[in-house]
C-alpha atoms as a PDB file:
ATOM      1  CA  UNK A   1       1.555 -34.502  13.711  1.00  0.00           C
ATOM      2  CA  UNK A   2       2.550 -33.577  10.062  1.00  0.00           C
ATOM      3  CA  UNK A   3      -0.773 -31.615   9.728  1.00  0.00           C
ATOM      4  CA  UNK A   4       0.137 -29.667  12.908  1.00  0.00           C
ATOM      5  CA  UNK A   5       3.520 -28.602  11.298  1.00  0.00           C
ATOM      6  CA  UNK A   6       1.938 -27.768   7.988  1.00  0.00           C
ATOM      7  CA  UNK A   7      -0.875 -25.784   9.343  1.00  0.00           C
ATOM      8  CA  UNK A   8       1.736 -23.867  11.719  1.00  0.00           C
ATOM      9  CA  UNK A   9       4.023 -23.215   8.676  1.00  0.00           C
ATOM     10  CA  UNK A  10       1.089 -21.943   6.655  1.00  0.00           C
ATOM     11  CA  UNK A  11       0.325 -19.399   9.312  1.00  0.00           C
ATOM     12  CA  UNK A  12       4.102 -18.334   9.750  1.00  0.00           C
ATOM     13  CA  UNK A  13       4.213 -17.689   6.035  1.00  0.00           C
ATOM     14  CA  UNK A  14       1.327 -15.158   6.258  1.00  0.00           C
ATOM     15  CA  UNK A  15       2.609 -13.654   9.344  1.00  0.00           C
ATOM     16  CA  UNK A  16       6.096 -13.166   7.607  1.00  0.00           C
ATOM     17  CA  UNK A  17       4.278 -11.419   4.726  1.00  0.00           C
ATOM     18  CA  UNK A  18       2.240  -9.296   7.245  1.00  0.00           C
ATOM     19  CA  UNK A  19       5.418  -8.155   8.919  1.00  0.00           C
ATOM     20  CA  UNK A  20       7.000  -7.013   5.612  1.00  0.00           C
ATOM     21  CA  UNK A  21       3.809  -5.047   4.890  1.00  0.00           C
ATOM     22  CA  UNK A  22       3.742  -3.260   8.344  1.00  0.00           C
ATOM     23  CA  UNK A  23       7.685  -2.566   8.025  1.00  0.00           C
ATOM     24  CA  UNK A  24       6.925  -0.795   4.655  1.00  0.00           C
ATOM     25  CA  UNK A  25       4.054   1.135   6.281  1.00  0.00           C
ATOM     26  CA  UNK A  26       6.377   2.342   9.178  1.00  0.00           C
ATOM     27  CA  UNK A  27       9.067   3.326   6.719  1.00  0.00           C
ATOM     28  CA  UNK A  28       6.721   5.548   4.799  1.00  0.00           C
ATOM     29  CA  UNK A  29       5.149   7.406   7.886  1.00  0.00           C
ATOM     30  CA  UNK A  30       6.701  10.698   6.563  1.00  0.00           C
ATOM     31  CA  UNK A  31       6.042  10.150   2.667  1.00  0.00           C
ATOM     32  CA  UNK A  32       3.609  12.518   1.258  1.00  0.00           C
ATOM     33  CA  UNK A  33       0.415  10.988  -0.222  1.00  0.00           C
ATOM     34  CA  UNK A  34       1.476   7.453   0.956  1.00  0.00           C
ATOM     35  CA  UNK A  35      -1.286   4.757   1.262  1.00  0.00           C
ATOM     36  CA  UNK A  36      -0.734   2.000   3.712  1.00  0.00           C
ATOM     37  CA  UNK A  37      -1.301  -1.554   2.844  1.00  0.00           C
ATOM     38  CA  UNK A  38      -3.195  -4.123   4.882  1.00  0.00           C
ATOM     39  CA  UNK A  39      -2.860  -7.877   5.239  1.00  0.00           C
ATOM     40  CA  UNK A  40      -5.726 -10.252   4.275  1.00  0.00           C
ATOM     41  CA  UNK A  41      -5.284 -13.799   5.336  1.00  0.00           C
ATOM     42  CA  UNK A  42      -8.124 -16.355   5.129  1.00  0.00           C
ATOM     43  CA  UNK A  43      -8.878 -19.864   6.188  1.00  0.00           C
ATOM     44  CA  UNK A  44      -8.497 -22.501   3.585  1.00  0.00           C
ATOM     45  CA  UNK A  45     -10.060 -25.672   4.344  1.00  0.00           C
ATOM     46  CA  UNK A  46      -9.010 -28.971   2.897  1.00  0.00           C
ATOM     47  CA  UNK A  47     -11.875 -31.144   1.670  1.00  0.00           C
ATOM     48  CA  UNK A  48     -10.721 -34.224   3.515  1.00  0.00           C
ATOM     49  CA  UNK A  49      -7.928 -35.205   5.689  1.00  0.00           C
ATOM     50  CA  UNK A  50      -5.358 -37.750   4.497  1.00  0.00           C
ATOM     51  CA  UNK A  51      -5.458 -40.010   7.626  1.00  0.00           C
ATOM     52  CA  UNK A  52      -8.031 -43.000   7.642  1.00  0.00           C
ATOM     53  CA  UNK A  53      -8.023 -43.164  11.456  1.00  0.00           C
ATOM     54  CA  UNK A  54     -11.126 -41.107  12.079  1.00  0.00           C
ATOM     55  CA  UNK A  55     -14.365 -42.883  13.137  1.00  0.00           C
ATOM     56  CA  UNK A  56     -17.280 -42.785  10.684  1.00  0.00           C
ATOM     57  CA  UNK A  57     -19.090 -39.575  10.562  1.00  0.00           C
ATOM     58  CA  UNK A  58     -16.308 -37.335  12.279  1.00  0.00           C
ATOM     59  CA  UNK A  59     -15.261 -34.226  10.566  1.00  0.00           C
ATOM     60  CA  UNK A  60     -12.133 -34.709   8.558  1.00  0.00           C
ATOM     61  CA  UNK A  61     -11.503 -31.241   7.341  1.00  0.00           C
ATOM     62  CA  UNK A  62      -8.145 -29.534   7.982  1.00  0.00           C
ATOM     63  CA  UNK A  63      -7.844 -25.705   7.949  1.00  0.00           C
ATOM     64  CA  UNK A  64      -4.818 -24.057   6.724  1.00  0.00           C
ATOM     65  CA  UNK A  65      -4.067 -20.310   6.463  1.00  0.00           C
ATOM     66  CA  UNK A  66      -3.703 -18.551   2.991  1.00  0.00           C
ATOM     67  CA  UNK A  67      -2.534 -15.204   2.009  1.00  0.00           C
ATOM     68  CA  UNK A  68      -5.277 -13.505  -0.023  1.00  0.00           C
ATOM     69  CA  UNK A  69      -3.223 -10.211  -0.738  1.00  0.00           C
ATOM     70  CA  UNK A  70      -2.487  -6.820   0.665  1.00  0.00           C
ATOM     71  CA  UNK A  71      -5.397  -4.445  -0.026  1.00  0.00           C
ATOM     72  CA  UNK A  72      -4.817  -0.746  -0.177  1.00  0.00           C
ATOM     73  CA  UNK A  73      -6.083   1.526   2.654  1.00  0.00           C
ATOM     74  CA  UNK A  74      -7.555   4.403   0.445  1.00  0.00           C
ATOM     75  CA  UNK A  75      -8.492   6.691   3.422  1.00  0.00           C
ATOM     76  CA  UNK A  76      -7.220  10.225   3.266  1.00  0.00           C
ATOM     77  CA  UNK A  77      -4.165  11.148   5.202  1.00  0.00           C
ATOM     78  CA  UNK A  78      -3.962  14.184   7.450  1.00  0.00           C
ATOM     79  CA  UNK A  79      -4.232  17.536   5.516  1.00  0.00           C
ATOM     80  CA  UNK A  80      -1.697  20.111   6.641  1.00  0.00           C
ATOM     81  CA  UNK A  81      -1.024  23.754   5.476  1.00  0.00           C
ATOM     82  CA  UNK A  82       2.305  24.568   3.964  1.00  0.00           C
ATOM     83  CA  UNK A  83       2.002  28.042   2.845  1.00  0.00           C
ATOM     84  CA  UNK A  84       3.503  27.015  -0.688  1.00  0.00           C
ATOM     85  CA  UNK A  85       0.873  27.973  -3.393  1.00  0.00           C
ATOM     86  CA  UNK A  86       2.228  25.122  -5.527  1.00  0.00           C
ATOM     87  CA  UNK A  87       1.362  22.493  -3.004  1.00  0.00           C
ATOM     88  CA  UNK A  88      -2.111  20.911  -3.322  1.00  0.00           C
ATOM     89  CA  UNK A  89      -4.148  18.485  -1.254  1.00  0.00           C
ATOM     90  CA  UNK A  90      -6.490  16.374  -3.512  1.00  0.00           C
ATOM     91  CA  UNK A  91     -10.102  15.881  -2.370  1.00  0.00           C
ATOM     92  CA  UNK A  92     -11.882  12.656  -2.827  1.00  0.00           C
ATOM     93  CA  UNK A  93     -10.470   9.654  -4.753  1.00  0.00           C
ATOM     94  CA  UNK A  94      -8.661  11.565  -7.469  1.00  0.00           C
ATOM     95  CA  UNK A  95      -4.861  11.197  -8.434  1.00  0.00           C
ATOM     96  CA  UNK A  96      -2.460  13.381 -10.088  1.00  0.00           C
ATOM     97  CA  UNK A  97      -0.770  12.083 -13.221  1.00  0.00           C
ATOM     98  CA  UNK A  98       2.943  12.330 -13.520  1.00  0.00           C
ATOM     99  CA  UNK A  99       5.578  11.389 -16.134  1.00  0.00           C
ATOM    100  CA  UNK A 100       8.448   9.007 -14.960  1.00  0.00           C
ATOM    101  CA  UNK A 101      11.105   7.196 -16.888  1.00  0.00           C
ATOM    102  CA  UNK A 102       8.870   4.156 -16.769  1.00  0.00           C
ATOM    103  CA  UNK A 103       5.939   6.066 -18.202  1.00  0.00           C
ATOM    104  CA  UNK A 104       2.807   7.610 -16.630  1.00  0.00           C
ATOM    105  CA  UNK A 105       2.188   7.055 -12.953  1.00  0.00           C
ATOM    106  CA  UNK A 106      -0.431   8.041 -10.527  1.00  0.00           C
ATOM    107  CA  UNK A 107       0.214   9.791  -7.068  1.00  0.00           C
ATOM    108  CA  UNK A 108      -1.531  11.681  -4.191  1.00  0.00           C
ATOM    109  CA  UNK A 109       1.769  13.526  -3.523  1.00  0.00           C
ATOM    110  CA  UNK A 110       0.657  17.171  -4.195  1.00  0.00           C
ATOM    111  CA  UNK A 111       4.022  18.755  -3.025  1.00  0.00           C
ATOM    112  CA  UNK A 112       5.030  20.524  -6.234  1.00  0.00           C
ATOM    113  CA  UNK A 113       7.767  23.002  -7.329  1.00  0.00           C
ATOM    114  CA  UNK A 114       9.088  24.430 -10.534  1.00  0.00           C
ATOM    115  CA  UNK A 115      12.495  22.946 -11.519  1.00  0.00           C
ATOM    116  CA  UNK A 116      15.553  24.442 -13.196  1.00  0.00           C
ATOM    117  CA  UNK A 117      14.125  23.616 -16.661  1.00  0.00           C
ATOM    118  CA  UNK A 118      10.787  25.430 -15.853  1.00  0.00           C
ATOM    119  CA  UNK A 119       8.885  22.261 -15.490  1.00  0.00           C
ATOM    120  CA  UNK A 120       6.233  21.683 -12.844  1.00  0.00           C
ATOM    121  CA  UNK A 121       7.320  18.584 -10.729  1.00  0.00           C
ATOM    122  CA  UNK A 122       6.560  16.904  -7.573  1.00  0.00           C
ATOM    123  CA  UNK A 123       8.916  16.761  -4.558  1.00  0.00           C
ATOM    124  CA  UNK A 124      10.230  13.444  -5.898  1.00  0.00           C
ATOM    125  CA  UNK A 125      11.159  15.026  -9.227  1.00  0.00           C
ATOM    126  CA  UNK A 126       8.426  13.545 -11.391  1.00  0.00           C
ATOM    127  CA  UNK A 127       6.989  15.900 -14.129  1.00  0.00           C
ATOM    128  CA  UNK A 128       3.214  16.698 -13.274  1.00  0.00           C
ATOM    129  CA  UNK A 129       1.120  16.478 -16.293  1.00  0.00           C
ATOM    130  CA  UNK A 130      -1.949  18.771 -17.307  1.00  0.00           C
ATOM    131  CA  UNK A 131      -4.728  17.995 -19.640  1.00  0.00           C
ATOM    132  CA  UNK A 132      -2.576  19.280 -22.536  1.00  0.00           C
ATOM    133  CA  UNK A 133       0.577  17.546 -21.374  1.00  0.00           C
ATOM    134  CA  UNK A 134       3.591  18.936 -19.297  1.00  0.00           C
ATOM    135  CA  UNK A 135       3.953  22.564 -18.278  1.00  0.00           C
ATOM    136  CA  UNK A 136       6.673  24.706 -19.330  1.00  0.00           C
ATOM    137  CA  UNK A 137       7.128  28.077 -17.648  1.00  0.00           C
ATOM    138  CA  UNK A 138       9.141  30.968 -18.832  1.00  0.00           C
ATOM    139  CA  UNK A 139      11.635  32.766 -16.699  1.00  0.00           C
ATOM    140  CA  UNK A 140       9.551  35.979 -16.639  1.00  0.00           C
ATOM    141  CA  UNK A 141       6.272  34.115 -15.487  1.00  0.00           C
ATOM    142  CA  UNK A 142       5.387  34.879 -11.933  1.00  0.00           C
ATOM    143  CA  UNK A 143       2.585  34.290  -9.487  1.00  0.00           C
ATOM    144  CA  UNK A 144       1.766  30.608 -10.165  1.00  0.00           C
ATOM    145  CA  UNK A 145      -1.678  29.902  -8.717  1.00  0.00           C
ATOM    146  CA  UNK A 146      -3.926  26.669  -8.683  1.00  0.00           C
ATOM    147  CA  UNK A 147      -7.684  27.005  -8.450  1.00  0.00           C
ATOM    148  CA  UNK A 148      -9.992  24.618  -6.743  1.00  0.00           C
ATOM    149  CA  UNK A 149     -10.769  22.831 -10.006  1.00  0.00           C
ATOM    150  CA  UNK A 150      -7.123  22.281 -10.863  1.00  0.00           C
ATOM    151  CA  UNK A 151      -6.854  25.266 -13.282  1.00  0.00           C
ATOM    152  CA  UNK A 152      -3.324  26.571 -13.414  1.00  0.00           C
ATOM    153  CA  UNK A 153      -2.577  30.324 -14.035  1.00  0.00           C
ATOM    154  CA  UNK A 154       0.336  32.648 -14.035  1.00  0.00           C
ATOM    155  CA  UNK A 155       1.032  36.306 -14.722  1.00  0.00           C
ATOM    156  CA  UNK A 156       0.790  35.377 -18.333  1.00  0.00           C
ATOM    157  CA  UNK A 157      -2.870  33.990 -17.799  1.00  0.00           C
ATOM    158  CA  UNK A 158      -4.502  30.639 -17.724  1.00  0.00           C
ATOM    159  CA  UNK A 159      -1.917  27.776 -18.428  1.00  0.00           C
ATOM    160  CA  UNK A 160      -4.193  24.798 -18.538  1.00  0.00           C
ATOM    161  CA  UNK A 161      -5.630  22.435 -15.938  1.00  0.00           C
ATOM    162  CA  UNK A 162      -4.018  19.704 -13.969  1.00  0.00           C
ATOM    163  CA  UNK A 163      -4.752  16.205 -15.273  1.00  0.00           C
ATOM    164  CA  UNK A 164      -6.640  14.431 -12.292  1.00  0.00           C
ATOM    165  CA  UNK A 165      -8.053  11.038 -12.828  1.00  0.00           C
ATOM    166  CA  UNK A 166      -9.965   8.365 -10.656  1.00  0.00           C
ATOM    167  CA  UNK A 167     -10.609   4.695 -10.656  1.00  0.00           C
ATOM    168  CA  UNK A 168     -13.792   2.818 -10.235  1.00  0.00           C
ATOM    169  CA  UNK A 169     -12.165   0.406  -7.808  1.00  0.00           C
ATOM    170  CA  UNK A 170      -8.901   1.787  -6.244  1.00  0.00           C
ATOM    171  CA  UNK A 171      -7.870  -1.753  -5.356  1.00  0.00           C
ATOM    172  CA  UNK A 172      -6.638  -2.088  -8.931  1.00  0.00           C
ATOM    173  CA  UNK A 173      -3.710   0.186  -8.191  1.00  0.00           C
ATOM    174  CA  UNK A 174      -0.371  -1.384  -7.874  1.00  0.00           C
ATOM    175  CA  UNK A 175       2.629   0.240  -6.104  1.00  0.00           C
ATOM    176  CA  UNK A 176       5.695   1.203  -8.169  1.00  0.00           C
ATOM    177  CA  UNK A 177       7.230   3.334  -5.555  1.00  0.00           C
ATOM    178  CA  UNK A 178       6.561   4.748  -2.171  1.00  0.00           C
ATOM    179  CA  UNK A 179       3.726   6.971  -3.296  1.00  0.00           C
ATOM    180  CA  UNK A 180       3.561   6.023  -7.015  1.00  0.00           C
ATOM    181  CA  UNK A 181       0.906   3.612  -8.625  1.00  0.00           C
ATOM    182  CA  UNK A 182       0.229   2.013 -11.841  1.00  0.00           C
ATOM    183  CA  UNK A 183      -2.818   0.111 -12.920  1.00  0.00           C
ATOM    184  CA  UNK A 184      -3.837  -2.464 -15.506  1.00  0.00           C
ATOM    185  CA  UNK A 185      -7.044  -0.594 -16.420  1.00  0.00           C
ATOM    186  CA  UNK A 186      -7.352   2.986 -17.776  1.00  0.00           C
ATOM    187  CA  UNK A 187      -8.556   5.622 -15.349  1.00  0.00           C
ATOM    188  CA  UNK A 188     -11.407   8.097 -15.969  1.00  0.00           C
ATOM    189  CA  UNK A 189     -11.200  11.802 -15.710  1.00  0.00           C
ATOM    190  CA  UNK A 190     -12.005  13.136 -12.275  1.00  0.00           C
ATOM    191  CA  UNK A 191     -14.147  15.957 -13.468  1.00  0.00           C
ATOM    192  CA  UNK A 192     -15.555  16.611  -9.853  1.00  0.00           C
ATOM    193  CA  UNK A 193     -12.238  16.648  -8.162  1.00  0.00           C
ATOM    194  CA  UNK A 194     -11.428  19.703  -6.029  1.00  0.00           C
ATOM    195  CA  UNK A 195      -7.893  20.651  -4.794  1.00  0.00           C
ATOM    196  CA  UNK A 196      -6.664  22.773  -1.930  1.00  0.00           C
ATOM    197  CA  UNK A 197      -3.739  25.044  -2.803  1.00  0.00           C
ATOM    198  CA  UNK A 198      -1.322  25.668  -0.071  1.00  0.00           C
ATOM    199  CA  UNK A 199      -2.055  22.330   1.643  1.00  0.00           C
ATOM    200  CA  UNK A 200      -0.505  18.851   1.477  1.00  0.00           C
ATOM    201  CA  UNK A 201      -1.861  15.309   2.069  1.00  0.00           C
ATOM    202  CA  UNK A 202       0.574  13.482   4.468  1.00  0.00           C
ATOM    203  CA  UNK A 203       0.699   9.644   4.902  1.00  0.00           C
ATOM    204  CA  UNK A 204      -2.281   7.850   6.106  1.00  0.00           C
ATOM    205  CA  UNK A 205       0.031   5.556   8.307  1.00  0.00           C
ATOM    206  CA  UNK A 206      -0.625   5.893  12.054  1.00  0.00           C
ATOM    207  CA  UNK A 207       2.679   4.726  13.618  1.00  0.00           C
ATOM    208  CA  UNK A 208       1.185   3.912  16.887  1.00  0.00           C
ATOM    209  CA  UNK A 209      -1.099   1.409  15.223  1.00  0.00           C
ATOM    210  CA  UNK A 210       1.580  -0.056  13.043  1.00  0.00           C
ATOM    211  CA  UNK A 211       3.987  -0.505  15.916  1.00  0.00           C
ATOM    212  CA  UNK A 212       1.329  -2.378  17.993  1.00  0.00           C
ATOM    213  CA  UNK A 213       0.534  -4.586  14.961  1.00  0.00           C
ATOM    214  CA  UNK A 214       4.264  -5.286  14.522  1.00  0.00           C
ATOM    215  CA  UNK A 215       4.632  -6.305  18.214  1.00  0.00           C
ATOM    216  CA  UNK A 216       1.511  -8.446  17.926  1.00  0.00           C
ATOM    217  CA  UNK A 217       2.529 -10.260  14.807  1.00  0.00           C
ATOM    218  CA  UNK A 218       6.005 -10.907  16.193  1.00  0.00           C
ATOM    219  CA  UNK A 219       4.578 -12.528  19.246  1.00  0.00           C
ATOM    220  CA  UNK A 220       2.356 -14.788  17.231  1.00  0.00           C
ATOM    221  CA  UNK A 221       5.290 -15.699  15.009  1.00  0.00           C
ATOM    222  CA  UNK A 222       7.350 -16.749  17.960  1.00  0.00           C
ATOM    223  CA  UNK A 223       4.468 -18.573  19.659  1.00  0.00           C
ATOM    224  CA  UNK A 224       4.089 -20.704  16.346  1.00  0.00           C
ATOM    225  CA  UNK A 225       7.796 -21.327  16.216  1.00  0.00           C
ATOM    226  CA  UNK A 226       7.646 -22.498  19.864  1.00  0.00           C
ATOM    227  CA  UNK A 227       4.850 -24.760  19.050  1.00  0.00           C
ATOM    228  CA  UNK A 228       6.650 -26.249  16.084  1.00  0.00           C
ATOM    229  CA  UNK A 229       9.646 -26.827  18.218  1.00  0.00           C
ATOM    230  CA  UNK A 230       7.623 -28.751  20.827  1.00  0.00           C
ATOM    231  CA  UNK A 231       6.014 -30.877  18.029  1.00  0.00           C
ATOM    232  CA  UNK A 232       9.277 -31.640  16.559  1.00  0.00           C
ATOM    233  CA  UNK A 233      10.793 -32.692  19.868  1.00  0.00           C
ATOM    234  CA  UNK A 234       7.764 -34.796  20.412  1.00  0.00           C
ATOM    235  CA  UNK A 235       8.388 -36.516  17.164  1.00  0.00           C
ATOM    236  CA  UNK A 236      11.982 -36.941  17.976  1.00  0.00           C
ATOM    237  CA  UNK A 237      11.210 -38.594  21.276  1.00  0.00           C
ATOM    238  CA  UNK A 238       8.698 -40.947  19.717  1.00  0.00           C
ATOM    239  CA  UNK A 239      11.243 -42.148  17.100  1.00  0.00           C
ATOM    240  CA  UNK A 240      13.822 -42.664  19.819  1.00  0.00           C
ATOM    241  CA  UNK A 241      11.259 -44.835  21.943  1.00  0.00           C
ATOM    242  CA  UNK A 242      10.180 -46.885  18.909  1.00  0.00           C
ATOM    243  CA  UNK A 243      13.879 -47.596  18.344  1.00  0.00           C
ATOM    244  CA  UNK A 244      14.583 -48.846  21.795  1.00  0.00           C
ATOM    245  CA  UNK A 245      14.764 -52.681  22.168  1.00  0.00           C
ATOM    246  CA  UNK A 246      11.804 -54.182  23.950  1.00  0.00           C
END
């Protein structure tokens, strides 16, 4: 009976984590460049059961559920035109490098603008870095354009190239914000990356799919809670019966 409760509890813990992941995905449906997270739960088999009531030769293994992590869905979100020449949609698996108060971060959010200080920033206010550092535009510079290879030019000529990077394995990326990532490994230059000016990559979250998953996970959680309630009630009844005088 204890095994039933422990197994059910292990599944409830993974379902609780999955529900948190889904809720975060749904909350970022409108976040530019957001990459949804998935849930990866696996079977964990105990080598032997603790009880000694099995007949010889019978299988004594007990299976629990273990949370193996939340892998990143790296698929590209919907590409939409914006008409803003500073917006870019990044092709392939490349990322922009931005400067934040916590240091350099990586993002697929290509919604950009020039702030009051003449810096090129994302819609979240993070400074976009080029291969030679951040950009500083003068008050007289006009007609900012971004070429397919990331080269940025203005009425004053070429101003440099956007710093685009990639990772051999994108699963090393860790979220530090809705659409910001950090990594414990150094990226490599995305020399073959191409960008589309005047377009933006939206979130890759499908709200219909996520809501359906949320309903399914909630039902599973409730079913397990009901099972645990019945098991607990059975144990309570057994204790009461054992305590009755013969």
